[in-house]
Amino acid sequence: FAALRDGSKYCCYTEICDSERIVENFKLFDFSLTEDEIQLLESSGHRQRLFLHNYMEGHPEDPFALERKH
């Protein structure tokens, strides 16, 4: 959940040219989690993804390498 904390790992890609809609798209990240909420999510034990990105397994930039070891 570190990515949720600093926000630097997000990119907004849009095909929308309307500036109001672009601003609205960025509001998706206009929230924060408390330390208690982060602890709750991390302790849930539920480690499941909809898209596994197995083609990245073994690649040095695999974003889920640590998760694959669990």
PDB file of N, CA and C in Angstrom:
ATOM      1  N   PHE A   1       0.798  -1.202   0.000  1.00  0.00           N
ATOM      2  CA  PHE A   1       0.000   0.000   0.000  1.00  0.00           C
ATOM      3  C   PHE A   1       0.841   1.268   0.000  1.00  0.00           C
ATOM      4  N   ALA A   2       2.143   1.116  -0.126  1.00  0.00           N
ATOM      5  CA  ALA A   2       3.015   2.286  -0.173  1.00  0.00           C
ATOM      6  C   ALA A   2       2.658   3.173  -1.357  1.00  0.00           C
ATOM      7  N   ALA A   3       2.219   2.564  -2.441  1.00  0.00           N
ATOM      8  CA  ALA A   3       1.856   3.348  -3.621  1.00  0.00           C
ATOM      9  C   ALA A   3       0.677   4.258  -3.323  1.00  0.00           C
ATOM     10  N   LEU A   4      -0.218   3.834  -2.443  1.00  0.00           N
ATOM     11  CA  LEU A   4      -1.345   4.678  -2.077  1.00  0.00           C
ATOM     12  C   LEU A   4      -0.908   5.844  -1.200  1.00  0.00           C
ATOM     13  N   ARG A   5       0.203   5.662  -0.516  1.00  0.00           N
ATOM     14  CA  ARG A   5       0.663   6.702   0.395  1.00  0.00           C
ATOM     15  C   ARG A   5       1.286   7.880  -0.332  1.00  0.00           C
ATOM     16  N   ASP A   6       2.151   7.601  -1.296  1.00  0.00           N
ATOM     17  CA  ASP A   6       2.869   8.722  -1.906  1.00  0.00           C
ATOM     18  C   ASP A   6       2.292   9.154  -3.249  1.00  0.00           C
ATOM     19  N   GLY A   7       1.521   8.311  -3.885  1.00  0.00           N
ATOM     20  CA  GLY A   7       0.867   8.685  -5.126  1.00  0.00           C
ATOM     21  C   GLY A   7       1.787   8.833  -6.317  1.00  0.00           C
ATOM     22  N   SER A   8       3.088   8.667  -6.153  1.00  0.00           N
ATOM     23  CA  SER A   8       4.022   8.916  -7.247  1.00  0.00           C
ATOM     24  C   SER A   8       4.039   7.800  -8.282  1.00  0.00           C
ATOM     25  N   LYS A   9       3.376   6.695  -8.016  1.00  0.00           N
ATOM     26  CA  LYS A   9       3.414   5.568  -8.931  1.00  0.00           C
ATOM     27  C   LYS A   9       2.188   5.516  -9.837  1.00  0.00           C
ATOM     28  N   TYR A  10       1.420   6.571  -9.877  1.00  0.00           N
ATOM     29  CA  TYR A  10       0.198   6.575 -10.665  1.00  0.00           C
ATOM     30  C   TYR A  10       0.343   7.425 -11.916  1.00  0.00           C
ATOM     31  N   CYS A  11      -0.314   6.996 -12.933  1.00  0.00           N
ATOM     32  CA  CYS A  11      -0.343   7.728 -14.191  1.00  0.00           C
ATOM     33  C   CYS A  11      -1.781   7.731 -14.683  1.00  0.00           C
ATOM     34  N   CYS A  12      -2.257   8.861 -15.098  1.00  0.00           N
ATOM     35  CA  CYS A  12      -3.617   8.949 -15.617  1.00  0.00           C
ATOM     36  C   CYS A  12      -3.551   9.054 -17.136  1.00  0.00           C
ATOM     37  N   TYR A  13      -4.051   8.039 -17.802  1.00  0.00           N
ATOM     38  CA  TYR A  13      -4.098   8.035 -19.262  1.00  0.00           C
ATOM     39  C   TYR A  13      -5.541   8.240 -19.667  1.00  0.00           C
ATOM     40  N   THR A  14      -5.767   9.189 -20.513  1.00  0.00           N
ATOM     41  CA  THR A  14      -7.139   9.469 -20.911  1.00  0.00           C
ATOM     42  C   THR A  14      -7.198   9.826 -22.385  1.00  0.00           C
ATOM     43  N   GLU A  15      -8.303   9.500 -22.987  1.00  0.00           N
ATOM     44  CA  GLU A  15      -8.551   9.917 -24.366  1.00  0.00           C
ATOM     45  C   GLU A  15      -9.491  11.116 -24.387  1.00  0.00           C
ATOM     46  N   ILE A  16      -9.768  11.645 -23.220  1.00  0.00           N
ATOM     47  CA  ILE A  16     -10.693  12.764 -23.088  1.00  0.00           C
ATOM     48  C   ILE A  16      -9.919  14.069 -23.246  1.00  0.00           C
ATOM     49  N   CYS A  17     -10.455  14.979 -24.023  1.00  0.00           N
ATOM     50  CA  CYS A  17      -9.800  16.274 -24.232  1.00  0.00           C
ATOM     51  C   CYS A  17     -10.413  17.371 -23.377  1.00  0.00           C
ATOM     52  N   ASP A  18     -11.586  17.125 -22.829  1.00  0.00           N
ATOM     53  CA  ASP A  18     -12.278  18.118 -22.018  1.00  0.00           C
ATOM     54  C   ASP A  18     -11.558  18.263 -20.670  1.00  0.00           C
ATOM     55  N   SER A  19     -11.075  19.454 -20.373  1.00  0.00           N
ATOM     56  CA  SER A  19     -10.275  19.658 -19.163  1.00  0.00           C
ATOM     57  C   SER A  19     -11.053  19.348 -17.888  1.00  0.00           C
ATOM     58  N   GLU A  20     -12.346  19.611 -17.868  1.00  0.00           N
ATOM     59  CA  GLU A  20     -13.143  19.297 -16.681  1.00  0.00           C
ATOM     60  C   GLU A  20     -13.191  17.794 -16.434  1.00  0.00           C
ATOM     61  N   ARG A  21     -13.297  17.011 -17.488  1.00  0.00           N
ATOM     62  CA  ARG A  21     -13.329  15.550 -17.346  1.00  0.00           C
ATOM     63  C   ARG A  21     -11.965  15.014 -16.907  1.00  0.00           C
ATOM     64  N   ILE A  22     -10.895  15.618 -17.387  1.00  0.00           N
ATOM     65  CA  ILE A  22      -9.553  15.195 -16.978  1.00  0.00           C
ATOM     66  C   ILE A  22      -9.368  15.441 -15.482  1.00  0.00           C
ATOM     67  N   VAL A  23      -9.781  16.603 -15.003  1.00  0.00           N
ATOM     68  CA  VAL A  23      -9.701  16.911 -13.571  1.00  0.00           C
ATOM     69  C   VAL A  23     -10.540  15.918 -12.781  1.00  0.00           C
ATOM     70  N   GLU A  24     -11.713  15.591 -13.274  1.00  0.00           N
ATOM     71  CA  GLU A  24     -12.586  14.620 -12.606  1.00  0.00           C
ATOM     72  C   GLU A  24     -11.914  13.250 -12.517  1.00  0.00           C
ATOM     73  N   ASN A  25     -11.206  12.845 -13.565  1.00  0.00           N
ATOM     74  CA  ASN A  25     -10.495  11.566 -13.549  1.00  0.00           C
ATOM     75  C   ASN A  25      -9.438  11.528 -12.450  1.00  0.00           C
ATOM     76  N   PHE A  26      -8.758  12.633 -12.218  1.00  0.00           N
ATOM     77  CA  PHE A  26      -7.716  12.671 -11.197  1.00  0.00           C
ATOM     78  C   PHE A  26      -8.282  12.605  -9.783  1.00  0.00           C
ATOM     79  N   LYS A  27      -9.545  12.925  -9.605  1.00  0.00           N
ATOM     80  CA  LYS A  27     -10.151  12.890  -8.273  1.00  0.00           C
ATOM     81  C   LYS A  27     -10.243  11.472  -7.727  1.00  0.00           C
ATOM     82  N   LEU A  28      -9.996  10.494  -8.560  1.00  0.00           N
ATOM     83  CA  LEU A  28      -9.973   9.112  -8.112  1.00  0.00           C
ATOM     84  C   LEU A  28      -8.953   8.920  -6.994  1.00  0.00           C
ATOM     85  N   PHE A  29      -7.876   9.672  -7.018  1.00  0.00           N
ATOM     86  CA  PHE A  29      -6.811   9.536  -6.037  1.00  0.00           C
ATOM     87  C   PHE A  29      -6.886  10.603  -4.950  1.00  0.00           C
ATOM     88  N   ASP A  30      -8.010  11.284  -4.850  1.00  0.00           N
ATOM     89  CA  ASP A  30      -8.175  12.354  -3.874  1.00  0.00           C
ATOM     90  C   ASP A  30      -8.700  11.779  -2.556  1.00  0.00           C
ATOM     91  N   PHE A  31      -7.926  10.877  -1.963  1.00  0.00           N
ATOM     92  CA  PHE A  31      -8.302  10.276  -0.689  1.00  0.00           C
ATOM     93  C   PHE A  31      -7.033   9.806   0.004  1.00  0.00           C
ATOM     94  N   SER A  32      -7.166   9.476   1.243  1.00  0.00           N
ATOM     95  CA  SER A  32      -6.028   8.905   1.965  1.00  0.00           C
ATOM     96  C   SER A  32      -6.553   7.855   2.935  1.00  0.00           C
ATOM     97  N   LEU A  33      -5.692   6.932   3.271  1.00  0.00           N
ATOM     98  CA  LEU A  33      -6.028   5.887   4.228  1.00  0.00           C
ATOM     99  C   LEU A  33      -5.331   6.188   5.546  1.00  0.00           C
ATOM    100  N   THR A  34      -6.022   5.925   6.633  1.00  0.00           N
ATOM    101  CA  THR A  34      -5.388   6.073   7.938  1.00  0.00           C
ATOM    102  C   THR A  34      -4.454   4.888   8.160  1.00  0.00           C
ATOM    103  N   GLU A  35      -3.561   5.017   9.110  1.00  0.00           N
ATOM    104  CA  GLU A  35      -2.662   3.907   9.435  1.00  0.00           C
ATOM    105  C   GLU A  35      -3.463   2.679   9.863  1.00  0.00           C
ATOM    106  N   ASP A  36      -4.563   2.892  10.590  1.00  0.00           N
ATOM    107  CA  ASP A  36      -5.411   1.769  11.008  1.00  0.00           C
ATOM    108  C   ASP A  36      -6.019   1.054   9.807  1.00  0.00           C
ATOM    109  N   GLU A  37      -6.461   1.818   8.804  1.00  0.00           N
ATOM    110  CA  GLU A  37      -7.040   1.211   7.602  1.00  0.00           C
ATOM    111  C   GLU A  37      -5.987   0.422   6.823  1.00  0.00           C
ATOM    112  N   ILE A  38      -4.792   0.965   6.740  1.00  0.00           N
ATOM    113  CA  ILE A  38      -3.703   0.272   6.047  1.00  0.00           C
ATOM    114  C   ILE A  38      -3.366  -1.024   6.771  1.00  0.00           C
ATOM    115  N   GLN A  39      -3.281  -0.962   8.091  1.00  0.00           N
ATOM    116  CA  GLN A  39      -3.001  -2.165   8.887  1.00  0.00           C
ATOM    117  C   GLN A  39      -4.081  -3.218   8.664  1.00  0.00           C
ATOM    118  N   LEU A  40      -5.337  -2.789   8.633  1.00  0.00           N
ATOM    119  CA  LEU A  40      -6.446  -3.719   8.423  1.00  0.00           C
ATOM    120  C   LEU A  40      -6.341  -4.398   7.061  1.00  0.00           C
ATOM    121  N   LEU A  41      -6.052  -3.629   6.034  1.00  0.00           N
ATOM    122  CA  LEU A  41      -5.915  -4.199   4.693  1.00  0.00           C
ATOM    123  C   LEU A  41      -4.728  -5.152   4.610  1.00  0.00           C
ATOM    124  N   GLU A  42      -3.619  -4.761   5.206  1.00  0.00           N
ATOM    125  CA  GLU A  42      -2.423  -5.602   5.151  1.00  0.00           C
ATOM    126  C   GLU A  42      -2.573  -6.882   5.964  1.00  0.00           C
ATOM    127  N   SER A  43      -3.420  -6.865   6.972  1.00  0.00           N
ATOM    128  CA  SER A  43      -3.581  -8.043   7.832  1.00  0.00           C
ATOM    129  C   SER A  43      -4.709  -8.965   7.375  1.00  0.00           C
ATOM    130  N   SER A  44      -5.384  -8.611   6.308  1.00  0.00           N
ATOM    131  CA  SER A  44      -6.539  -9.403   5.875  1.00  0.00           C
ATOM    132  C   SER A  44      -6.148 -10.800   5.402  1.00  0.00           C
ATOM    133  N   GLY A  45      -4.907 -10.962   4.945  1.00  0.00           N
ATOM    134  CA  GLY A  45      -4.472 -12.267   4.457  1.00  0.00           C
ATOM    135  C   GLY A  45      -5.025 -12.600   3.081  1.00  0.00           C
ATOM    136  N   HIS A  46      -5.793 -11.709   2.518  1.00  0.00           N
ATOM    137  CA  HIS A  46      -6.395 -11.937   1.202  1.00  0.00           C
ATOM    138  C   HIS A  46      -5.446 -11.402   0.138  1.00  0.00           C
ATOM    139  N   ARG A  47      -4.733 -12.285  -0.518  1.00  0.00           N
ATOM    140  CA  ARG A  47      -3.779 -11.878  -1.554  1.00  0.00           C
ATOM    141  C   ARG A  47      -4.227 -12.497  -2.867  1.00  0.00           C
ATOM    142  N   GLN A  48      -5.053 -11.769  -3.582  1.00  0.00           N
ATOM    143  CA  GLN A  48      -5.588 -12.286  -4.830  1.00  0.00           C
ATOM    144  C   GLN A  48      -5.701 -11.135  -5.818  1.00  0.00           C
ATOM    145  N   ARG A  49      -5.378 -11.423  -7.061  1.00  0.00           N
ATOM    146  CA  ARG A  49      -5.470 -10.417  -8.118  1.00  0.00           C
ATOM    147  C   ARG A  49      -6.342 -10.940  -9.234  1.00  0.00           C
ATOM    148  N   LEU A  50      -6.988 -10.024  -9.908  1.00  0.00           N
ATOM    149  CA  LEU A  50      -7.795 -10.404 -11.055  1.00  0.00           C
ATOM    150  C   LEU A  50      -6.892 -10.723 -12.243  1.00  0.00           C
ATOM    151  N   PHE A  51      -5.842  -9.916 -12.415  1.00  0.00           N
ATOM    152  CA  PHE A  51      -4.880 -10.122 -13.492  1.00  0.00           C
ATOM    153  C   PHE A  51      -3.531 -10.455 -12.862  1.00  0.00           C
ATOM    154  N   LEU A  52      -3.019 -11.617 -13.126  1.00  0.00           N
ATOM    155  CA  LEU A  52      -1.800 -12.069 -12.467  1.00  0.00           C
ATOM    156  C   LEU A  52      -0.525 -11.587 -13.142  1.00  0.00           C
ATOM    157  N   HIS A  53      -0.598 -11.203 -14.405  1.00  0.00           N
ATOM    158  CA  HIS A  53       0.573 -10.735 -15.153  1.00  0.00           C
ATOM    159  C   HIS A  53       1.699 -11.763 -15.090  1.00  0.00           C
ATOM    160  N   ASN A  54       1.360 -13.018 -15.308  1.00  0.00           N
ATOM    161  CA  ASN A  54       2.354 -14.094 -15.233  1.00  0.00           C
ATOM    162  C   ASN A  54       3.479 -13.940 -16.248  1.00  0.00           C
ATOM    163  N   TYR A  55       3.245 -13.194 -17.313  1.00  0.00           N
ATOM    164  CA  TYR A  55       4.296 -12.987 -18.308  1.00  0.00           C
ATOM    165  C   TYR A  55       5.473 -12.206 -17.725  1.00  0.00           C
ATOM    166  N   MET A  56       5.267 -11.547 -16.583  1.00  0.00           N
ATOM    167  CA  MET A  56       6.342 -10.783 -15.944  1.00  0.00           C
ATOM    168  C   MET A  56       7.176 -11.631 -14.989  1.00  0.00           C
ATOM    169  N   GLU A  57       6.736 -12.834 -14.694  1.00  0.00           N
ATOM    170  CA  GLU A  57       7.445 -13.676 -13.728  1.00  0.00           C
ATOM    171  C   GLU A  57       8.882 -13.911 -14.185  1.00  0.00           C
ATOM    172  N   GLY A  58       9.820 -13.639 -13.293  1.00  0.00           N
ATOM    173  CA  GLY A  58      11.236 -13.794 -13.601  1.00  0.00           C
ATOM    174  C   GLY A  58      11.876 -12.548 -14.191  1.00  0.00           C
ATOM    175  N   HIS A  59      11.085 -11.584 -14.621  1.00  0.00           N
ATOM    176  CA  HIS A  59      11.615 -10.335 -15.173  1.00  0.00           C
ATOM    177  C   HIS A  59      12.129  -9.471 -14.020  1.00  0.00           C
ATOM    178  N   PRO A  60      13.268  -8.782 -14.193  1.00  0.00           N
ATOM    179  CA  PRO A  60      13.818  -7.971 -13.103  1.00  0.00           C
ATOM    180  C   PRO A  60      12.893  -6.839 -12.652  1.00  0.00           C
ATOM    181  N   GLU A  61      11.957  -6.430 -13.486  1.00  0.00           N
ATOM    182  CA  GLU A  61      11.044  -5.353 -13.108  1.00  0.00           C
ATOM    183  C   GLU A  61       9.637  -5.873 -12.810  1.00  0.00           C
ATOM    184  N   ASP A  62       9.517  -7.147 -12.479  1.00  0.00           N
ATOM    185  CA  ASP A  62       8.228  -7.737 -12.125  1.00  0.00           C
ATOM    186  C   ASP A  62       7.664  -7.005 -10.906  1.00  0.00           C
ATOM    187  N   PRO A  63       6.531  -6.294 -11.036  1.00  0.00           N
ATOM    188  CA  PRO A  63       6.000  -5.536  -9.907  1.00  0.00           C
ATOM    189  C   PRO A  63       5.416  -6.414  -8.804  1.00  0.00           C
ATOM    190  N   PHE A  64       5.201  -7.701  -9.081  1.00  0.00           N
ATOM    191  CA  PHE A  64       4.582  -8.581  -8.094  1.00  0.00           C
ATOM    192  C   PHE A  64       5.523  -9.691  -7.642  1.00  0.00           C
ATOM    193  N   ALA A  65       6.816  -9.505  -7.820  1.00  0.00           N
ATOM    194  CA  ALA A  65       7.794 -10.547  -7.475  1.00  0.00           C
ATOM    195  C   ALA A  65       7.702 -10.941  -6.002  1.00  0.00           C
ATOM    196  N   LEU A  66       7.550  -9.970  -5.126  1.00  0.00           N
ATOM    197  CA  LEU A  66       7.455 -10.285  -3.700  1.00  0.00           C
ATOM    198  C   LEU A  66       6.182 -11.053  -3.385  1.00  0.00           C
ATOM    199  N   GLU A  67       5.093 -10.712  -4.043  1.00  0.00           N
ATOM    200  CA  GLU A  67       3.828 -11.411  -3.812  1.00  0.00           C
ATOM    201  C   GLU A  67       3.893 -12.848  -4.301  1.00  0.00           C
ATOM    202  N   ARG A  68       4.639 -13.097  -5.354  1.00  0.00           N
ATOM    203  CA  ARG A  68       4.731 -14.450  -5.899  1.00  0.00           C
ATOM    204  C   ARG A  68       5.453 -15.392  -4.937  1.00  0.00           C
ATOM    205  N   LYS A  69       6.281 -14.846  -4.059  1.00  0.00           N
ATOM    206  CA  LYS A  69       7.040 -15.665  -3.113  1.00  0.00           C
ATOM    207  C   LYS A  69       6.184 -16.141  -1.944  1.00  0.00           C
ATOM    208  N   HIS A  70       5.007 -15.537  -1.742  1.00  0.00           N
ATOM    209  CA  HIS A  70       4.152 -15.912  -0.603  1.00  0.00           C
ATOM    210  C   HIS A  70       3.404 -17.172  -0.891  1.00  0.00           C
TER     211      HIS A  70
END
